[in-house]
């Protein structure tokens, strides 16, 4: 595809220059636009690519876990989850900027909403955490914020 863009852009830049020489003012627009396309095609291999999310969400009958090649595995048992937070940061798009944090008494598990396997969490939330508040997730955000979406009900005092 890059070779095609190089050839076509070069051709249209030449046409634009020919139009300018011929006295057609639209030649400037053609030459400028396709000149820009030509520069993008030339420098494209050196332009930075957006990183691929390396986080993987692992859901089992007993626990939820997050794995990443450069991070210690985090997990928490479903029965031990006390709170679920939705956290937003201003780190995107280079780094994940929306996270779910499952907080337990002794353990916890955080994972970005773009993690592989994320599709499986929605049924678990519906099944295991009645009253989960999806409102913060729907609203999203690009600031640093922490929203409580679910909290284990406290036992009634005698």
Protein backbone atom coordinates (compact mmCIF):
# COMPACT_ATOMS: atom_id res chain seq x y z
CA UNK A 1 0.00 0.00 0.00
CA UNK A 2 2.90 2.33 0.77
CA UNK A 3 4.38 1.81 -2.71
CA UNK A 4 1.02 2.61 -4.29
CA UNK A 5 0.77 5.83 -2.25
CA UNK A 6 4.31 6.80 -3.25
CA UNK A 7 3.63 6.28 -6.97
CA UNK A 8 0.19 7.93 -7.04
CA UNK A 9 1.30 10.90 -4.93
CA UNK A 10 4.35 11.47 -7.13
CA UNK A 11 2.16 11.33 -10.22
CA UNK A 12 -0.34 13.84 -8.82
CA UNK A 13 2.40 16.18 -7.60
CA UNK A 14 3.74 16.20 -11.16
CA UNK A 15 0.22 16.90 -12.47
CA UNK A 16 -0.13 19.74 -9.95
CA UNK A 17 3.19 21.26 -11.03
CA UNK A 18 2.13 20.94 -14.67
CA UNK A 19 -1.14 22.73 -13.82
CA UNK A 20 0.80 25.55 -12.11
CA UNK A 21 3.11 25.94 -15.12
CA UNK A 22 0.03 25.94 -17.37
CA UNK A 23 -1.42 28.83 -15.32
CA UNK A 24 -4.14 26.89 -13.45
CA UNK A 25 -4.39 28.10 -9.84
CA UNK A 26 -5.86 24.76 -8.69
CA UNK A 27 -2.47 23.24 -9.38
CA UNK A 28 -1.20 24.65 -6.09
CA UNK A 29 -3.88 22.76 -4.14
CA UNK A 30 -3.23 19.53 -6.03
CA UNK A 31 0.56 19.80 -5.65
CA UNK A 32 0.34 20.75 -1.96
CA UNK A 33 -2.12 17.99 -0.99
CA UNK A 34 -0.38 15.18 -2.85
CA UNK A 35 3.02 16.51 -1.80
CA UNK A 36 1.88 16.08 1.78
CA UNK A 37 0.66 12.54 0.96
CA UNK A 38 4.05 11.83 -0.59
CA UNK A 39 5.87 13.02 2.55
CA UNK A 40 3.65 10.82 4.74
CA UNK A 41 4.36 7.81 2.51
CA UNK A 42 8.11 8.51 2.64
CA UNK A 43 8.31 8.98 6.42
CA UNK A 44 5.60 6.49 7.44
CA UNK A 45 8.04 3.72 8.47
CA UNK A 46 9.58 6.09 11.03
CA UNK A 47 6.35 7.49 12.43
CA UNK A 48 5.53 6.07 15.82
CA UNK A 49 2.82 3.46 16.00
CA UNK A 50 0.25 3.30 18.77
CA UNK A 51 1.14 0.47 21.11
CA UNK A 52 -0.90 -2.71 21.21
CA UNK A 53 -2.43 -3.43 24.60
CA UNK A 54 -0.51 -6.31 26.18
CA UNK A 55 -2.84 -6.73 29.16
CA UNK A 56 -4.89 -9.90 29.28
CA UNK A 57 -7.88 -10.44 31.51
CA UNK A 58 -8.25 -13.99 32.80
CA UNK A 59 -11.66 -14.94 34.17
CA UNK A 60 -12.19 -18.25 35.94
CA UNK A 61 -14.96 -19.61 38.12
CA UNK A 62 -13.00 -18.61 41.25
CA UNK A 63 -11.14 -15.42 40.35
CA UNK A 64 -10.42 -12.55 38.01
CA UNK A 65 -6.79 -11.91 37.09
CA UNK A 66 -4.75 -9.58 34.91
CA UNK A 67 -1.57 -10.68 33.20
CA UNK A 68 1.04 -8.54 31.45
CA UNK A 69 4.51 -9.58 30.25
CA UNK A 70 6.21 -6.79 32.24
CA UNK A 71 4.03 -6.76 35.33
CA UNK A 72 3.39 -9.10 38.24
CA UNK A 73 0.18 -11.11 37.84
CA UNK A 74 -2.69 -9.65 39.87
CA UNK A 75 -5.73 -11.60 40.94
CA UNK A 76 -8.57 -11.53 43.40
CA UNK A 77 -11.12 -14.20 44.24
CA UNK A 78 -14.69 -13.28 43.32
CA UNK A 79 -15.89 -13.95 46.86
CA UNK A 80 -13.30 -11.54 48.31
CA UNK A 81 -14.17 -8.50 46.16
CA UNK A 82 -15.29 -5.65 48.43
CA UNK A 83 -15.28 -2.74 45.99
CA UNK A 84 -15.07 -2.15 42.27
CA UNK A 85 -13.70 1.16 41.03
CA UNK A 86 -13.62 2.74 37.60
CA UNK A 87 -10.45 4.81 37.25
CA UNK A 88 -9.63 7.25 34.46
CA UNK A 89 -6.30 8.90 33.75
CA UNK A 90 -4.93 11.40 31.27
CA UNK A 91 -2.35 8.89 29.99
CA UNK A 92 -4.08 7.96 26.70
CA UNK A 93 -3.74 7.21 23.92
CA UNK A 94 -0.17 5.93 24.36
CA UNK A 95 -1.04 4.13 27.59
CA UNK A 96 -4.30 2.66 28.87
CA UNK A 97 -6.35 5.41 30.47
CA UNK A 98 -9.50 3.62 31.67
CA UNK A 99 -9.19 0.92 34.31
CA UNK A 100 -11.35 -1.31 36.47
CA UNK A 101 -9.98 -2.03 39.94
CA UNK A 102 -11.36 -4.97 41.88
CA UNK A 103 -10.43 -4.37 45.49
CA UNK A 104 -10.40 -7.17 48.03
CA UNK A 105 -9.44 -7.33 51.69
CA UNK A 106 -5.91 -8.61 50.97
CA UNK A 107 -5.66 -8.73 47.18
CA UNK A 108 -6.75 -6.71 44.21
CA UNK A 109 -6.76 -6.74 40.48
CA UNK A 110 -6.63 -3.80 38.08
CA UNK A 111 -6.89 -3.97 34.32
CA UNK A 112 -7.48 -1.54 31.48
CA UNK A 113 -10.82 -1.64 29.72
CA UNK A 114 -8.97 -2.40 26.47
CA UNK A 115 -7.39 -5.60 27.84
CA UNK A 116 -7.81 -8.79 25.83
CA UNK A 117 -10.64 -10.81 27.33
CA UNK A 118 -12.47 -7.72 28.58
CA UNK A 119 -15.65 -8.77 26.78
CA UNK A 120 -16.12 -11.55 29.34
CA UNK A 121 -16.27 -9.24 32.36
CA UNK A 122 -19.69 -7.76 31.59
CA UNK A 123 -21.61 -10.99 32.24
CA UNK A 124 -19.62 -11.54 35.44
CA UNK A 125 -20.48 -8.06 36.70
CA UNK A 126 -24.16 -8.62 36.00
CA UNK A 127 -24.18 -12.07 37.59
CA UNK A 128 -21.97 -11.49 40.64
CA UNK A 129 -22.36 -7.82 41.59
CA UNK A 130 -26.00 -6.78 41.78
CA UNK A 131 -26.42 -3.02 41.68
CA UNK A 132 -23.18 -2.37 39.79
CA UNK A 133 -23.26 1.26 38.62
CA UNK A 134 -22.33 1.48 34.93
CA UNK A 135 -22.86 5.26 34.80
CA UNK A 136 -19.17 6.22 35.24
CA UNK A 137 -18.13 3.77 32.50
CA UNK A 138 -20.69 5.21 30.11
CA UNK A 139 -19.57 8.76 30.90
CA UNK A 140 -15.89 7.87 30.50
CA UNK A 141 -13.32 10.55 31.09
CA UNK A 142 -9.88 11.84 30.25
CA UNK A 143 -8.97 13.28 33.66
CA UNK A 144 -7.59 11.58 36.73
CA UNK A 145 -10.68 10.32 38.55
CA UNK A 146 -11.79 7.36 40.67
CA UNK A 147 -15.47 6.35 40.71
CA UNK A 148 -16.96 3.74 43.02
CA UNK A 149 -19.17 1.42 40.93
CA UNK A 150 -19.96 -1.28 43.47
CA UNK A 151 -19.42 -1.94 47.17
CA UNK A 152 -20.18 -5.07 49.16
CA UNK A 153 -23.12 -4.38 51.47
CA UNK A 154 -22.04 -4.22 55.11
CA UNK A 155 -23.66 -6.71 57.44
CA UNK A 156 -26.36 -5.17 59.64
CA UNK A 157 -25.20 -4.39 63.17
CA UNK A 158 -27.07 -6.20 65.96
